């Protein structure tokens, strides 16, 4: 069931939480799991993603990955390689308005 669930998603990473230190099936040590969740920062990660910032990438990474969806960024950039301008052009060409631009990243 776990493999089916993972296969149905597009995870960026998977965090493994050990339920106990004895490697025993069916044994769940709440304190052990709570410590791991706090240490990994998963609660804060969920808070950030629920606030609407589920995707963040540098302009270079975003433009490099999605440049093929816009005629003005593929095969050559009309902006001369300015990744921020290319990112804006990609969104404009697809009529996407639900995004935020930071100083170095797109959200």
C-alpha atoms as a PDB file:
ATOM      1  CA  UNK A   1       0.000   0.000   0.000  1.00  0.00           C
ATOM      2  CA  UNK A   2       2.851   2.400   0.798  1.00  0.00           C
ATOM      3  CA  UNK A   3       4.530   1.826  -2.559  1.00  0.00           C
ATOM      4  CA  UNK A   4       1.197   2.465  -4.338  1.00  0.00           C
ATOM      5  CA  UNK A   5       0.731   5.711  -2.412  1.00  0.00           C
ATOM      6  CA  UNK A   6       4.253   6.902  -3.185  1.00  0.00           C
ATOM      7  CA  UNK A   7       3.905   5.913  -6.845  1.00  0.00           C
ATOM      8  CA  UNK A   8       0.667   7.906  -7.151  1.00  0.00           C
ATOM      9  CA  UNK A   9       2.434  11.101  -5.994  1.00  0.00           C
ATOM     10  CA  UNK A  10       5.313  13.189  -7.187  1.00  0.00           C
ATOM     11  CA  UNK A  11       7.363  13.459  -3.993  1.00  0.00           C
ATOM     12  CA  UNK A  12      10.443  15.656  -3.895  1.00  0.00           C
ATOM     13  CA  UNK A  13      11.786  13.751  -0.939  1.00  0.00           C
ATOM     14  CA  UNK A  14      10.648  11.166   1.549  1.00  0.00           C
ATOM     15  CA  UNK A  15      11.323  11.444   5.274  1.00  0.00           C
ATOM     16  CA  UNK A  16      11.593   8.165   7.111  1.00  0.00           C
ATOM     17  CA  UNK A  17      10.527   8.193  10.736  1.00  0.00           C
ATOM     18  CA  UNK A  18      11.608   5.267  12.906  1.00  0.00           C
ATOM     19  CA  UNK A  19       8.682   4.271  15.146  1.00  0.00           C
ATOM     20  CA  UNK A  20      10.987   2.514  17.647  1.00  0.00           C
ATOM     21  CA  UNK A  21      14.611   1.608  18.234  1.00  0.00           C
ATOM     22  CA  UNK A  22      13.954  -2.131  18.525  1.00  0.00           C
ATOM     23  CA  UNK A  23      12.996  -2.662  14.867  1.00  0.00           C
ATOM     24  CA  UNK A  24       9.849  -4.336  16.160  1.00  0.00           C
ATOM     25  CA  UNK A  25       6.676  -4.403  14.087  1.00  0.00           C
ATOM     26  CA  UNK A  26       3.600  -2.832  15.625  1.00  0.00           C
ATOM     27  CA  UNK A  27       5.547  -0.966  18.317  1.00  0.00           C
ATOM     28  CA  UNK A  28       5.178   2.820  18.315  1.00  0.00           C
ATOM     29  CA  UNK A  29       7.143   5.004  20.758  1.00  0.00           C
ATOM     30  CA  UNK A  30       5.472   8.405  20.757  1.00  0.00           C
ATOM     31  CA  UNK A  31       8.402  10.246  22.333  1.00  0.00           C
ATOM     32  CA  UNK A  32      10.814   8.836  19.731  1.00  0.00           C
ATOM     33  CA  UNK A  33       8.594   9.888  16.823  1.00  0.00           C
ATOM     34  CA  UNK A  34       7.908  13.359  18.294  1.00  0.00           C
ATOM     35  CA  UNK A  35      11.648  13.947  18.704  1.00  0.00           C
ATOM     36  CA  UNK A  36      12.304  13.057  15.060  1.00  0.00           C
ATOM     37  CA  UNK A  37       9.475  15.278  13.807  1.00  0.00           C
ATOM     38  CA  UNK A  38      10.844  18.234  15.791  1.00  0.00           C
ATOM     39  CA  UNK A  39      14.440  17.563  14.757  1.00  0.00           C
ATOM     40  CA  UNK A  40      13.575  17.351  11.045  1.00  0.00           C
ATOM     41  CA  UNK A  41      11.518  20.561  11.200  1.00  0.00           C
ATOM     42  CA  UNK A  42       8.494  18.869   9.659  1.00  0.00           C
ATOM     43  CA  UNK A  43       5.937  20.924  11.572  1.00  0.00           C
ATOM     44  CA  UNK A  44       7.429  24.187  10.279  1.00  0.00           C
ATOM     45  CA  UNK A  45       7.647  22.717   6.782  1.00  0.00           C
ATOM     46  CA  UNK A  46       3.930  21.906   6.845  1.00  0.00           C
ATOM     47  CA  UNK A  47       3.119  25.419   8.128  1.00  0.00           C
ATOM     48  CA  UNK A  48       5.032  27.042   5.270  1.00  0.00           C
ATOM     49  CA  UNK A  49       3.420  24.822   2.644  1.00  0.00           C
ATOM     50  CA  UNK A  50      -0.083  25.413   4.022  1.00  0.00           C
ATOM     51  CA  UNK A  51       0.558  29.156   3.800  1.00  0.00           C
ATOM     52  CA  UNK A  52       0.830  28.739   0.042  1.00  0.00           C
ATOM     53  CA  UNK A  53       4.567  28.559  -0.471  1.00  0.00           C
ATOM     54  CA  UNK A  54       4.716  24.940  -1.554  1.00  0.00           C
ATOM     55  CA  UNK A  55       7.101  25.528  -4.450  1.00  0.00           C
ATOM     56  CA  UNK A  56      10.240  27.604  -4.444  1.00  0.00           C
ATOM     57  CA  UNK A  57      13.030  27.609  -6.966  1.00  0.00           C
ATOM     58  CA  UNK A  58      15.734  30.006  -8.064  1.00  0.00           C
ATOM     59  CA  UNK A  59      15.011  31.901 -11.251  1.00  0.00           C
ATOM     60  CA  UNK A  60      17.815  30.013 -12.990  1.00  0.00           C
ATOM     61  CA  UNK A  61      16.437  26.625 -11.989  1.00  0.00           C
ATOM     62  CA  UNK A  62      12.839  27.530 -12.875  1.00  0.00           C
ATOM     63  CA  UNK A  63      13.728  29.075 -16.239  1.00  0.00           C
ATOM     64  CA  UNK A  64      16.015  26.181 -17.101  1.00  0.00           C
ATOM     65  CA  UNK A  65      13.360  23.613 -16.306  1.00  0.00           C
ATOM     66  CA  UNK A  66      10.318  25.296 -17.889  1.00  0.00           C
ATOM     67  CA  UNK A  67      11.829  27.324 -20.736  1.00  0.00           C
ATOM     68  CA  UNK A  68      10.450  24.863 -23.288  1.00  0.00           C
ATOM     69  CA  UNK A  69       6.848  25.988 -22.645  1.00  0.00           C
ATOM     70  CA  UNK A  70       7.368  29.474 -24.057  1.00  0.00           C
ATOM     71  CA  UNK A  71       8.359  30.391 -27.603  1.00  0.00           C
ATOM     72  CA  UNK A  72      10.257  33.451 -26.349  1.00  0.00           C
ATOM     73  CA  UNK A  73      12.470  31.378 -24.044  1.00  0.00           C
ATOM     74  CA  UNK A  74      13.009  28.307 -26.219  1.00  0.00           C
ATOM     75  CA  UNK A  75      15.198  27.457 -28.078  1.00  0.00           C
ATOM     76  CA  UNK A  76      16.888  30.798 -27.280  1.00  0.00           C
ATOM     77  CA  UNK A  77      15.979  33.354 -24.687  1.00  0.00           C
ATOM     78  CA  UNK A  78      14.724  36.693 -26.010  1.00  0.00           C
ATOM     79  CA  UNK A  79      16.018  38.359 -22.843  1.00  0.00           C
ATOM     80  CA  UNK A  80      19.609  37.393 -23.491  1.00  0.00           C
ATOM     81  CA  UNK A  81      19.727  34.883 -20.668  1.00  0.00           C
ATOM     82  CA  UNK A  82      18.205  36.959 -17.839  1.00  0.00           C
ATOM     83  CA  UNK A  83      16.648  34.189 -15.739  1.00  0.00           C
ATOM     84  CA  UNK A  84      14.243  36.522 -13.892  1.00  0.00           C
ATOM     85  CA  UNK A  85      12.920  37.967 -17.157  1.00  0.00           C
ATOM     86  CA  UNK A  86      12.627  34.460 -18.612  1.00  0.00           C
ATOM     87  CA  UNK A  87      10.664  33.337 -15.554  1.00  0.00           C
ATOM     88  CA  UNK A  88       8.226  36.249 -15.981  1.00  0.00           C
ATOM     89  CA  UNK A  89       7.876  35.462 -19.681  1.00  0.00           C
ATOM     90  CA  UNK A  90       7.123  31.807 -18.989  1.00  0.00           C
ATOM     91  CA  UNK A  91       4.309  32.768 -16.615  1.00  0.00           C
ATOM     92  CA  UNK A  92       2.952  35.383 -19.020  1.00  0.00           C
ATOM     93  CA  UNK A  93       2.984  33.008 -21.989  1.00  0.00           C
ATOM     94  CA  UNK A  94       0.925  30.458 -20.040  1.00  0.00           C
ATOM     95  CA  UNK A  95      -1.348  33.149 -18.518  1.00  0.00           C
ATOM     96  CA  UNK A  96      -0.380  32.124 -14.987  1.00  0.00           C
ATOM     97  CA  UNK A  97      -0.973  34.838 -12.384  1.00  0.00           C
ATOM     98  CA  UNK A  98      -0.839  32.909  -9.105  1.00  0.00           C
ATOM     99  CA  UNK A  99       2.867  33.267  -8.234  1.00  0.00           C
ATOM    100  CA  UNK A 100       5.215  35.512  -6.270  1.00  0.00           C
ATOM    101  CA  UNK A 101       8.678  36.682  -7.226  1.00  0.00           C
ATOM    102  CA  UNK A 102      11.299  37.159  -4.550  1.00  0.00           C
ATOM    103  CA  UNK A 103      14.760  38.665  -4.955  1.00  0.00           C
ATOM    104  CA  UNK A 104      16.270  35.378  -6.168  1.00  0.00           C
ATOM    105  CA  UNK A 105      13.419  32.861  -6.166  1.00  0.00           C
ATOM    106  CA  UNK A 106       9.942  32.242  -7.526  1.00  0.00           C
ATOM    107  CA  UNK A 107       7.161  31.033  -5.235  1.00  0.00           C
END
